[in-house]
Amino acid sequence: MHAIGPDDRGSGADARPAVSVGDGATPTAPTGVPASIGGRPNVDRAELRPAAAAAVNELVAELQAGLDQADAERYDRPFAGDVLWGSPYGRTLTGIDRLSEAHRSLMASGAAPASRYELVALSAPVPEVVIAHVRRSARAGGGFSEMALYVLVAREGQWWLAAGQNTPIADPAAQ
């Protein structure tokens, strides 16, 4: 995963180019959005988004490689030890040991369909936290697709997936 540096903590300008999100748009806040709506603050910090997008894109690449290779160990490599995981079937798993066991079983059985991961949207509310929607689209008919909400947290310069919630996409045309 992406190691964070001083620029990732909001202490200076980020020299890396903007990273595309989902539809190819640069990850910026919508234009014309007021600082608050009805007294509610916007929590996303635009200056943190490039580093946040880099961290999520690195996570997505690792998940993609793990799935493509049917390698649960690689797939789970960026997950925190105390990860909170909501499966697309409504099951909650706590901790990497339980989650890795489930992923090993899924990959060994061939139940995980060939898929493509894609960062759809993100929010960077504080320097070491990223919240992201990531879509997993099954490449072939018969496989299911899902939208995940991921929370990444940086610890000691390393980004970790702290929580994830997967929701099946019932209508592939809605992707």
N, C-alpha and C. Protein backbone atom coordinates (compact mmCIF):
# COMPACT_ATOMS: atom_id res chain seq x y z
N MET A 1 0.84 -1.18 0.00
CA MET A 1 0.00 0.00 0.00
C MET A 1 0.88 1.24 0.00
N HIS A 2 0.30 2.32 -0.38
CA HIS A 2 0.97 3.61 -0.49
C HIS A 2 1.45 4.08 0.88
N ALA A 3 2.70 4.35 1.00
CA ALA A 3 3.23 4.93 2.24
C ALA A 3 2.89 6.41 2.24
N ILE A 4 2.47 6.90 3.39
CA ILE A 4 2.10 8.31 3.45
C ILE A 4 3.33 9.14 3.79
N GLY A 5 3.35 10.33 3.26
CA GLY A 5 4.45 11.25 3.50
C GLY A 5 3.91 12.56 4.04
N PRO A 6 4.76 13.54 4.21
CA PRO A 6 4.31 14.82 4.76
C PRO A 6 3.19 15.46 3.95
N ASP A 7 3.25 15.34 2.62
CA ASP A 7 2.20 15.95 1.80
C ASP A 7 0.86 15.28 2.00
N ASP A 8 0.86 13.99 2.34
CA ASP A 8 -0.37 13.25 2.54
C ASP A 8 -1.08 13.67 3.82
N ARG A 9 -0.36 14.31 4.69
CA ARG A 9 -0.94 14.74 5.96
C ARG A 9 -1.46 16.17 5.88
N GLY A 10 -1.46 16.74 4.71
CA GLY A 10 -2.03 18.07 4.52
C GLY A 10 -1.09 19.20 4.90
N SER A 11 0.21 18.90 5.05
CA SER A 11 1.13 19.95 5.47
C SER A 11 1.77 20.68 4.30
N GLY A 12 1.44 20.30 3.08
CA GLY A 12 2.02 20.97 1.93
C GLY A 12 1.31 20.58 0.66
N ALA A 13 1.75 21.11 -0.45
CA ALA A 13 1.13 20.79 -1.74
C ALA A 13 1.54 19.39 -2.17
N ASP A 14 0.62 18.67 -2.76
CA ASP A 14 0.89 17.32 -3.24
C ASP A 14 1.43 17.43 -4.66
N ALA A 15 2.63 16.93 -4.90
CA ALA A 15 3.27 17.07 -6.21
C ALA A 15 2.82 16.01 -7.19
N ARG A 16 2.15 14.96 -6.70
CA ARG A 16 1.70 13.92 -7.62
C ARG A 16 0.55 14.41 -8.47
N PRO A 17 0.41 13.87 -9.68
CA PRO A 17 -0.72 14.26 -10.51
C PRO A 17 -2.01 13.74 -9.93
N ALA A 18 -3.11 14.37 -10.30
CA ALA A 18 -4.42 13.91 -9.84
C ALA A 18 -4.66 12.49 -10.35
N VAL A 19 -5.33 11.69 -9.54
CA VAL A 19 -5.64 10.31 -9.89
C VAL A 19 -7.09 10.25 -10.31
N SER A 20 -7.37 9.56 -11.40
CA SER A 20 -8.75 9.52 -11.87
C SER A 20 -9.61 8.65 -10.99
N VAL A 21 -10.87 8.95 -10.96
CA VAL A 21 -11.85 8.24 -10.16
C VAL A 21 -12.97 7.78 -11.07
N GLY A 22 -13.28 6.49 -11.04
CA GLY A 22 -14.43 5.92 -11.73
C GLY A 22 -14.58 6.33 -13.17
N ASP A 23 -15.29 7.40 -13.40
CA ASP A 23 -15.62 7.82 -14.76
C ASP A 23 -14.50 8.61 -15.41
N GLY A 24 -13.35 8.68 -14.77
CA GLY A 24 -12.23 9.41 -15.34
C GLY A 24 -12.14 10.84 -14.87
N ALA A 25 -13.09 11.27 -14.04
CA ALA A 25 -13.06 12.64 -13.54
C ALA A 25 -11.98 12.77 -12.47
N THR A 26 -11.38 13.93 -12.38
CA THR A 26 -10.40 14.19 -11.34
C THR A 26 -11.13 14.29 -10.01
N PRO A 27 -10.58 13.69 -8.95
CA PRO A 27 -11.28 13.69 -7.67
C PRO A 27 -11.26 15.05 -7.01
N THR A 28 -12.25 15.86 -7.30
CA THR A 28 -12.37 17.18 -6.69
C THR A 28 -13.78 17.33 -6.16
N ALA A 29 -13.94 18.24 -5.22
CA ALA A 29 -15.27 18.49 -4.69
C ALA A 29 -16.13 19.11 -5.77
N PRO A 30 -17.44 18.82 -5.74
CA PRO A 30 -18.33 19.43 -6.73
C PRO A 30 -18.26 20.95 -6.65
N THR A 31 -18.33 21.59 -7.81
CA THR A 31 -18.30 23.05 -7.82
C THR A 31 -19.60 23.60 -7.27
N GLY A 32 -19.51 24.71 -6.61
CA GLY A 32 -20.70 25.37 -6.10
C GLY A 32 -21.24 24.77 -4.82
N VAL A 33 -20.55 23.80 -4.21
CA VAL A 33 -21.04 23.22 -2.97
C VAL A 33 -20.64 24.14 -1.82
N PRO A 34 -21.61 24.61 -1.06
CA PRO A 34 -21.27 25.51 0.04
C PRO A 34 -20.50 24.77 1.13
N ALA A 35 -19.83 25.52 2.01
CA ALA A 35 -19.07 24.92 3.10
C ALA A 35 -19.96 24.11 4.02
N SER A 36 -21.22 24.44 4.08
CA SER A 36 -22.17 23.64 4.85
C SER A 36 -23.52 23.72 4.18
N ILE A 37 -24.33 22.75 4.45
CA ILE A 37 -25.68 22.70 3.91
C ILE A 37 -26.62 22.60 5.10
N GLY A 38 -27.45 23.60 5.28
CA GLY A 38 -28.39 23.58 6.40
C GLY A 38 -27.69 23.46 7.74
N GLY A 39 -26.52 24.06 7.88
CA GLY A 39 -25.79 23.98 9.13
C GLY A 39 -24.94 22.74 9.29
N ARG A 40 -24.96 21.86 8.28
CA ARG A 40 -24.17 20.63 8.33
C ARG A 40 -22.85 20.86 7.61
N PRO A 41 -21.75 20.54 8.24
CA PRO A 41 -20.46 20.77 7.58
C PRO A 41 -20.18 19.72 6.50
N ASN A 42 -19.46 20.12 5.49
CA ASN A 42 -18.89 19.16 4.55
C ASN A 42 -17.60 18.68 5.20
N VAL A 43 -17.40 17.35 5.27
CA VAL A 43 -16.23 16.82 5.98
C VAL A 43 -15.06 16.53 5.05
N ASP A 44 -15.29 16.41 3.75
CA ASP A 44 -14.23 16.10 2.80
C ASP A 44 -13.28 17.29 2.69
N ARG A 45 -11.97 16.98 2.63
CA ARG A 45 -10.95 18.02 2.46
C ARG A 45 -10.27 17.82 1.12
N ALA A 46 -10.55 18.72 0.19
CA ALA A 46 -10.06 18.60 -1.18
C ALA A 46 -8.54 18.45 -1.26
N GLU A 47 -7.80 19.10 -0.38
CA GLU A 47 -6.34 19.03 -0.45
C GLU A 47 -5.80 17.64 -0.10
N LEU A 48 -6.62 16.81 0.54
CA LEU A 48 -6.20 15.45 0.90
C LEU A 48 -6.58 14.41 -0.16
N ARG A 49 -7.42 14.80 -1.11
CA ARG A 49 -7.96 13.85 -2.07
C ARG A 49 -6.94 13.18 -2.99
N PRO A 50 -5.94 13.87 -3.51
CA PRO A 50 -4.98 13.17 -4.37
C PRO A 50 -4.27 12.02 -3.66
N ALA A 51 -3.80 12.25 -2.45
CA ALA A 51 -3.13 11.18 -1.68
C ALA A 51 -4.14 10.09 -1.31
N ALA A 52 -5.36 10.50 -0.98
CA ALA A 52 -6.39 9.52 -0.63
C ALA A 52 -6.71 8.64 -1.84
N ALA A 53 -6.84 9.25 -3.01
CA ALA A 53 -7.13 8.48 -4.23
C ALA A 53 -5.98 7.54 -4.54
N ALA A 54 -4.75 7.96 -4.34
CA ALA A 54 -3.60 7.08 -4.59
C ALA A 54 -3.66 5.87 -3.67
N ALA A 55 -4.01 6.08 -2.40
CA ALA A 55 -4.10 4.97 -1.44
C ALA A 55 -5.20 3.99 -1.85
N VAL A 56 -6.37 4.52 -2.25
CA VAL A 56 -7.47 3.64 -2.64
C VAL A 56 -7.14 2.91 -3.95
N ASN A 57 -6.54 3.62 -4.90
CA ASN A 57 -6.17 2.97 -6.16
C ASN A 57 -5.15 1.85 -5.92
N GLU A 58 -4.26 2.04 -4.96
CA GLU A 58 -3.30 0.99 -4.63
C GLU A 58 -4.02 -0.21 -4.00
N LEU A 59 -5.00 0.06 -3.13
CA LEU A 59 -5.82 -1.01 -2.55
C LEU A 59 -6.55 -1.77 -3.65
N VAL A 60 -7.17 -1.03 -4.56
CA VAL A 60 -7.91 -1.64 -5.67
C VAL A 60 -6.99 -2.54 -6.50
N ALA A 61 -5.78 -2.08 -6.77
CA ALA A 61 -4.82 -2.88 -7.55
C ALA A 61 -4.46 -4.17 -6.81
N GLU A 62 -4.31 -4.09 -5.51
CA GLU A 62 -3.96 -5.28 -4.71
C GLU A 62 -5.14 -6.26 -4.68
N LEU A 63 -6.35 -5.74 -4.50
CA LEU A 63 -7.53 -6.61 -4.53
C LEU A 63 -7.67 -7.28 -5.89
N GLN A 64 -7.46 -6.49 -6.95
CA GLN A 64 -7.56 -7.03 -8.31
C GLN A 64 -6.55 -8.14 -8.53
N ALA A 65 -5.31 -7.91 -8.14
CA ALA A 65 -4.26 -8.92 -8.33
C ALA A 65 -4.56 -10.18 -7.52
N GLY A 66 -5.00 -10.01 -6.28
CA GLY A 66 -5.34 -11.17 -5.45
C GLY A 66 -6.47 -11.98 -6.05
N LEU A 67 -7.50 -11.30 -6.54
CA LEU A 67 -8.63 -12.01 -7.15
C LEU A 67 -8.21 -12.67 -8.45
N ASP A 68 -7.48 -11.95 -9.29
CA ASP A 68 -7.05 -12.52 -10.58
C ASP A 68 -6.19 -13.77 -10.39
N GLN A 69 -5.40 -13.80 -9.32
CA GLN A 69 -4.52 -14.94 -9.06
C GLN A 69 -5.15 -15.96 -8.12
N ALA A 70 -6.41 -15.72 -7.71
CA ALA A 70 -7.09 -16.58 -6.74
C ALA A 70 -6.22 -16.78 -5.51
N ASP A 71 -5.61 -15.70 -5.04
CA ASP A 71 -4.66 -15.73 -3.93
C ASP A 71 -5.25 -14.93 -2.76
N ALA A 72 -5.89 -15.63 -1.84
CA ALA A 72 -6.55 -14.97 -0.71
C ALA A 72 -5.55 -14.23 0.18
N GLU A 73 -4.35 -14.77 0.32
CA GLU A 73 -3.33 -14.10 1.15
C GLU A 73 -2.98 -12.74 0.56
N ARG A 74 -2.79 -12.69 -0.75
CA ARG A 74 -2.49 -11.40 -1.39
C ARG A 74 -3.69 -10.47 -1.31
N TYR A 75 -4.88 -11.01 -1.56
CA TYR A 75 -6.10 -10.22 -1.51
C TYR A 75 -6.26 -9.55 -0.15
N ASP A 76 -5.96 -10.29 0.91
CA ASP A 76 -6.16 -9.79 2.28
C ASP A 76 -4.96 -9.01 2.83
N ARG A 77 -3.88 -8.93 2.10
CA ARG A 77 -2.66 -8.28 2.59
C ARG A 77 -2.90 -6.86 3.13
N PRO A 78 -3.72 -6.02 2.48
CA PRO A 78 -3.88 -4.65 3.00
C PRO A 78 -4.91 -4.51 4.11
N PHE A 79 -5.48 -5.61 4.60
CA PHE A 79 -6.53 -5.53 5.62
C PHE A 79 -5.91 -5.43 7.01
N ALA A 80 -6.48 -4.56 7.85
CA ALA A 80 -6.02 -4.41 9.24
C ALA A 80 -6.33 -5.68 10.02
N GLY A 81 -5.58 -5.91 11.09
CA GLY A 81 -5.80 -7.08 11.93
C GLY A 81 -7.18 -7.11 12.55
N ASP A 82 -7.73 -5.94 12.87
CA ASP A 82 -9.05 -5.86 13.50
C ASP A 82 -10.12 -5.38 12.52
N VAL A 83 -9.95 -5.73 11.25
CA VAL A 83 -10.88 -5.30 10.20
C VAL A 83 -12.33 -5.68 10.56
N LEU A 84 -13.24 -4.79 10.23
CA LEU A 84 -14.68 -5.05 10.34
C LEU A 84 -15.20 -5.25 8.93
N TRP A 85 -15.89 -6.35 8.68
CA TRP A 85 -16.28 -6.70 7.32
C TRP A 85 -17.74 -7.10 7.26
N GLY A 86 -18.49 -6.45 6.38
CA GLY A 86 -19.88 -6.82 6.13
C GLY A 86 -19.96 -7.49 4.78
N SER A 87 -20.36 -8.75 4.76
CA SER A 87 -20.41 -9.49 3.50
C SER A 87 -21.65 -9.09 2.71
N PRO A 88 -21.67 -9.40 1.40
CA PRO A 88 -22.85 -9.08 0.60
C PRO A 88 -24.06 -9.94 0.99
N TYR A 89 -23.85 -10.91 1.87
CA TYR A 89 -24.93 -11.79 2.31
C TYR A 89 -25.44 -11.44 3.70
N GLY A 90 -24.98 -10.30 4.25
CA GLY A 90 -25.45 -9.84 5.54
C GLY A 90 -24.67 -10.37 6.72
N ARG A 91 -23.60 -11.07 6.49
CA ARG A 91 -22.77 -11.62 7.57
C ARG A 91 -21.73 -10.58 7.98
N THR A 92 -21.45 -10.49 9.27
CA THR A 92 -20.42 -9.60 9.78
C THR A 92 -19.25 -10.44 10.28
N LEU A 93 -18.08 -10.12 9.81
CA LEU A 93 -16.86 -10.80 10.24
C LEU A 93 -15.96 -9.76 10.90
N THR A 94 -15.38 -10.12 12.03
CA THR A 94 -14.48 -9.22 12.74
C THR A 94 -13.12 -9.89 12.86
N GLY A 95 -12.11 -9.20 12.37
CA GLY A 95 -10.75 -9.70 12.48
C GLY A 95 -10.27 -10.38 11.22
N ILE A 96 -8.99 -10.23 10.93
CA ILE A 96 -8.41 -10.75 9.69
C ILE A 96 -8.43 -12.28 9.65
N ASP A 97 -8.29 -12.95 10.80
CA ASP A 97 -8.28 -14.41 10.78
C ASP A 97 -9.60 -14.97 10.24
N ARG A 98 -10.71 -14.48 10.73
CA ARG A 98 -12.02 -14.95 10.25
C ARG A 98 -12.25 -14.57 8.79
N LEU A 99 -11.86 -13.35 8.43
CA LEU A 99 -12.08 -12.89 7.06
C LEU A 99 -11.19 -13.66 6.09
N SER A 100 -9.95 -13.88 6.44
CA SER A 100 -9.04 -14.63 5.56
C SER A 100 -9.53 -16.06 5.35
N GLU A 101 -10.06 -16.65 6.40
CA GLU A 101 -10.62 -18.00 6.27
C GLU A 101 -11.76 -18.02 5.24
N ALA A 102 -12.63 -17.03 5.32
CA ALA A 102 -13.74 -16.93 4.36
C ALA A 102 -13.23 -16.70 2.95
N HIS A 103 -12.25 -15.81 2.79
CA HIS A 103 -11.71 -15.53 1.46
C HIS A 103 -10.97 -16.73 0.88
N ARG A 104 -10.23 -17.47 1.71
CA ARG A 104 -9.55 -18.68 1.23
C ARG A 104 -10.57 -19.68 0.72
N SER A 105 -11.64 -19.85 1.46
CA SER A 105 -12.69 -20.79 1.07
C SER A 105 -13.35 -20.37 -0.24
N LEU A 106 -13.68 -19.09 -0.36
CA LEU A 106 -14.32 -18.58 -1.58
C LEU A 106 -13.42 -18.76 -2.80
N MET A 107 -12.16 -18.43 -2.65
CA MET A 107 -11.24 -18.51 -3.79
C MET A 107 -10.91 -19.96 -4.14
N ALA A 108 -10.79 -20.81 -3.15
CA ALA A 108 -10.51 -22.23 -3.41
C ALA A 108 -11.67 -22.90 -4.13
N SER A 109 -12.89 -22.46 -3.84
CA SER A 109 -14.07 -23.07 -4.46
C SER A 109 -14.36 -22.49 -5.84
N GLY A 110 -13.67 -21.42 -6.21
CA GLY A 110 -13.93 -20.77 -7.49
C GLY A 110 -15.19 -19.92 -7.48
N ALA A 111 -15.72 -19.63 -6.29
CA ALA A 111 -16.97 -18.86 -6.17
C ALA A 111 -16.76 -17.38 -6.47
N ALA A 112 -15.53 -16.90 -6.36
CA ALA A 112 -15.26 -15.49 -6.64
C ALA A 112 -15.14 -15.32 -8.16
N PRO A 113 -16.10 -14.61 -8.78
CA PRO A 113 -16.05 -14.48 -10.24
C PRO A 113 -14.94 -13.54 -10.72
N ALA A 114 -14.46 -13.77 -11.93
CA ALA A 114 -13.53 -12.83 -12.55
C ALA A 114 -14.22 -11.47 -12.57
N SER A 115 -13.52 -10.45 -12.10
CA SER A 115 -14.14 -9.15 -11.90
C SER A 115 -13.15 -8.03 -12.18
N ARG A 116 -13.70 -6.82 -12.24
CA ARG A 116 -12.89 -5.62 -12.38
C ARG A 116 -13.27 -4.68 -11.25
N TYR A 117 -12.26 -4.22 -10.50
CA TYR A 117 -12.48 -3.26 -9.41
C TYR A 117 -12.30 -1.85 -9.94
N GLU A 118 -13.10 -0.92 -9.38
CA GLU A 118 -13.05 0.47 -9.84
C GLU A 118 -13.40 1.41 -8.70
N LEU A 119 -12.54 2.39 -8.46
CA LEU A 119 -12.84 3.44 -7.50
C LEU A 119 -13.93 4.33 -8.09
N VAL A 120 -15.02 4.49 -7.34
CA VAL A 120 -16.16 5.27 -7.82
C VAL A 120 -16.19 6.66 -7.18
N ALA A 121 -15.99 6.72 -5.87
CA ALA A 121 -16.05 8.00 -5.15
C ALA A 121 -15.26 7.87 -3.86
N LEU A 122 -14.78 9.01 -3.37
CA LEU A 122 -14.08 8.98 -2.10
C LEU A 122 -14.26 10.27 -1.34
N SER A 123 -13.98 10.19 -0.05
CA SER A 123 -13.97 11.35 0.83
C SER A 123 -12.73 11.22 1.72
N ALA A 124 -12.05 12.32 1.91
CA ALA A 124 -10.86 12.36 2.76
C ALA A 124 -11.11 13.39 3.87
N PRO A 125 -11.75 12.97 4.94
CA PRO A 125 -12.13 13.93 5.99
C PRO A 125 -10.98 14.39 6.89
N VAL A 126 -9.99 13.51 7.09
CA VAL A 126 -8.82 13.84 7.91
C VAL A 126 -7.60 13.20 7.26
N PRO A 127 -6.41 13.65 7.59
CA PRO A 127 -5.22 13.17 6.87
C PRO A 127 -5.01 11.66 6.83
N GLU A 128 -5.39 10.91 7.82
CA GLU A 128 -5.08 9.49 7.83
C GLU A 128 -6.31 8.60 7.73
N VAL A 129 -7.40 9.14 7.16
CA VAL A 129 -8.62 8.36 6.96
C VAL A 129 -9.17 8.64 5.58
N VAL A 130 -9.56 7.58 4.89
CA VAL A 130 -10.21 7.69 3.58
C VAL A 130 -11.46 6.82 3.60
N ILE A 131 -12.54 7.35 3.07
CA ILE A 131 -13.78 6.59 2.90
C ILE A 131 -14.01 6.52 1.41
N ALA A 132 -14.24 5.30 0.88
CA ALA A 132 -14.36 5.15 -0.57
C ALA A 132 -15.44 4.16 -0.96
N HIS A 133 -16.10 4.47 -2.06
CA HIS A 133 -16.98 3.50 -2.72
C HIS A 133 -16.18 2.86 -3.85
N VAL A 134 -16.13 1.54 -3.84
CA VAL A 134 -15.42 0.78 -4.86
C VAL A 134 -16.39 -0.24 -5.45
N ARG A 135 -16.49 -0.24 -6.77
CA ARG A 135 -17.37 -1.18 -7.47
C ARG A 135 -16.54 -2.38 -7.94
N ARG A 136 -17.12 -3.58 -7.72
CA ARG A 136 -16.55 -4.80 -8.29
C ARG A 136 -17.56 -5.31 -9.30
N SER A 137 -17.19 -5.27 -10.59
CA SER A 137 -18.07 -5.69 -11.67
C SER A 137 -17.64 -7.05 -12.18
N ALA A 138 -18.55 -8.02 -12.13
CA ALA A 138 -18.26 -9.34 -12.67
C ALA A 138 -18.05 -9.20 -14.17
N ARG A 139 -17.02 -9.89 -14.69
CA ARG A 139 -16.70 -9.79 -16.12
C ARG A 139 -17.55 -10.69 -16.98
N ALA A 140 -18.12 -11.73 -16.41
CA ALA A 140 -18.91 -12.68 -17.20
C ALA A 140 -20.30 -12.81 -16.60
N GLY A 141 -21.24 -13.21 -17.45
CA GLY A 141 -22.60 -13.46 -16.98
C GLY A 141 -22.61 -14.56 -15.93
N GLY A 142 -23.56 -14.49 -15.03
CA GLY A 142 -23.66 -15.49 -13.99
C GLY A 142 -22.95 -15.10 -12.71
N GLY A 143 -21.95 -14.22 -12.80
CA GLY A 143 -21.26 -13.75 -11.60
C GLY A 143 -21.97 -12.52 -11.07
N PHE A 144 -21.89 -12.31 -9.77
CA PHE A 144 -22.56 -11.13 -9.22
C PHE A 144 -21.56 -10.00 -9.04
N SER A 145 -22.08 -8.79 -9.12
CA SER A 145 -21.29 -7.57 -8.91
C SER A 145 -21.70 -6.96 -7.58
N GLU A 146 -20.85 -6.08 -7.06
CA GLU A 146 -21.18 -5.45 -5.79
C GLU A 146 -20.53 -4.08 -5.68
N MET A 147 -21.09 -3.28 -4.79
CA MET A 147 -20.54 -1.98 -4.44
C MET A 147 -20.06 -2.10 -3.00
N ALA A 148 -18.85 -1.65 -2.74
CA ALA A 148 -18.30 -1.73 -1.40
C ALA A 148 -18.04 -0.33 -0.86
N LEU A 149 -18.25 -0.18 0.41
CA LEU A 149 -17.86 1.02 1.13
C LEU A 149 -16.66 0.61 1.97
N TYR A 150 -15.50 1.22 1.69
CA TYR A 150 -14.26 0.91 2.39
C TYR A 150 -13.81 2.10 3.23
N VAL A 151 -13.25 1.79 4.39
CA VAL A 151 -12.62 2.79 5.23
C VAL A 151 -11.16 2.40 5.37
N LEU A 152 -10.27 3.28 4.92
CA LEU A 152 -8.83 3.06 5.04
C LEU A 152 -8.28 3.98 6.11
N VAL A 153 -7.34 3.45 6.88
CA VAL A 153 -6.71 4.21 7.95
C VAL A 153 -5.20 4.04 7.82
N ALA A 154 -4.47 5.12 7.94
CA ALA A 154 -3.01 5.05 7.88
C ALA A 154 -2.46 4.89 9.29
N ARG A 155 -1.54 3.95 9.43
CA ARG A 155 -0.82 3.73 10.69
C ARG A 155 0.65 3.58 10.38
N GLU A 156 1.48 4.40 11.02
CA GLU A 156 2.93 4.33 10.86
C GLU A 156 3.35 4.33 9.39
N GLY A 157 2.71 5.21 8.61
CA GLY A 157 3.08 5.38 7.21
C GLY A 157 2.49 4.36 6.25
N GLN A 158 1.64 3.47 6.73
CA GLN A 158 1.05 2.41 5.90
C GLN A 158 -0.47 2.53 5.93
N TRP A 159 -1.11 2.41 4.75
CA TRP A 159 -2.57 2.44 4.67
C TRP A 159 -3.12 1.03 4.87
N TRP A 160 -4.18 0.92 5.68
CA TRP A 160 -4.81 -0.36 5.99
C TRP A 160 -6.31 -0.25 5.77
N LEU A 161 -6.90 -1.31 5.27
CA LEU A 161 -8.35 -1.38 5.14
C LEU A 161 -8.91 -1.73 6.51
N ALA A 162 -9.58 -0.78 7.15
CA ALA A 162 -10.09 -0.96 8.51
C ALA A 162 -11.50 -1.53 8.52
N ALA A 163 -12.28 -1.23 7.47
CA ALA A 163 -13.66 -1.70 7.42
C ALA A 163 -14.14 -1.74 5.98
N GLY A 164 -15.05 -2.66 5.73
CA GLY A 164 -15.66 -2.77 4.42
C GLY A 164 -17.08 -3.28 4.54
N GLN A 165 -17.96 -2.78 3.70
CA GLN A 165 -19.34 -3.27 3.63
C GLN A 165 -19.67 -3.48 2.17
N ASN A 166 -20.02 -4.70 1.80
CA ASN A 166 -20.33 -5.05 0.42
C ASN A 166 -21.83 -5.16 0.22
N THR A 167 -22.32 -4.57 -0.84
CA THR A 167 -23.73 -4.63 -1.19
C THR A 167 -23.85 -5.14 -2.61
N PRO A 168 -24.60 -6.24 -2.81
CA PRO A 168 -24.77 -6.75 -4.18
C PRO A 168 -25.46 -5.72 -5.06
N ILE A 169 -25.08 -5.71 -6.32
CA ILE A 169 -25.75 -4.85 -7.30
C ILE A 169 -26.76 -5.75 -8.01
N ALA A 170 -28.03 -5.52 -7.72
CA ALA A 170 -29.09 -6.39 -8.23
C ALA A 170 -29.28 -6.24 -9.73
N ASP A 171 -29.16 -5.02 -10.22
CA ASP A 171 -29.37 -4.76 -11.65
C ASP A 171 -28.05 -4.29 -12.26
N PRO A 172 -27.36 -5.17 -12.99
CA PRO A 172 -26.09 -4.76 -13.58
C PRO A 172 -26.18 -3.50 -14.44
N ALA A 173 -27.35 -3.22 -15.01
CA ALA A 173 -27.52 -2.02 -15.83
C ALA A 173 -27.42 -0.76 -14.96
N ALA A 174 -27.63 -0.91 -13.64
CA ALA A 174 -27.58 0.24 -12.73
C ALA A 174 -26.16 0.63 -12.38
N GLN A 175 -25.18 -0.14 -12.85
CA GLN A 175 -23.78 0.16 -12.53
C GLN A 175 -23.38 1.42 -13.22
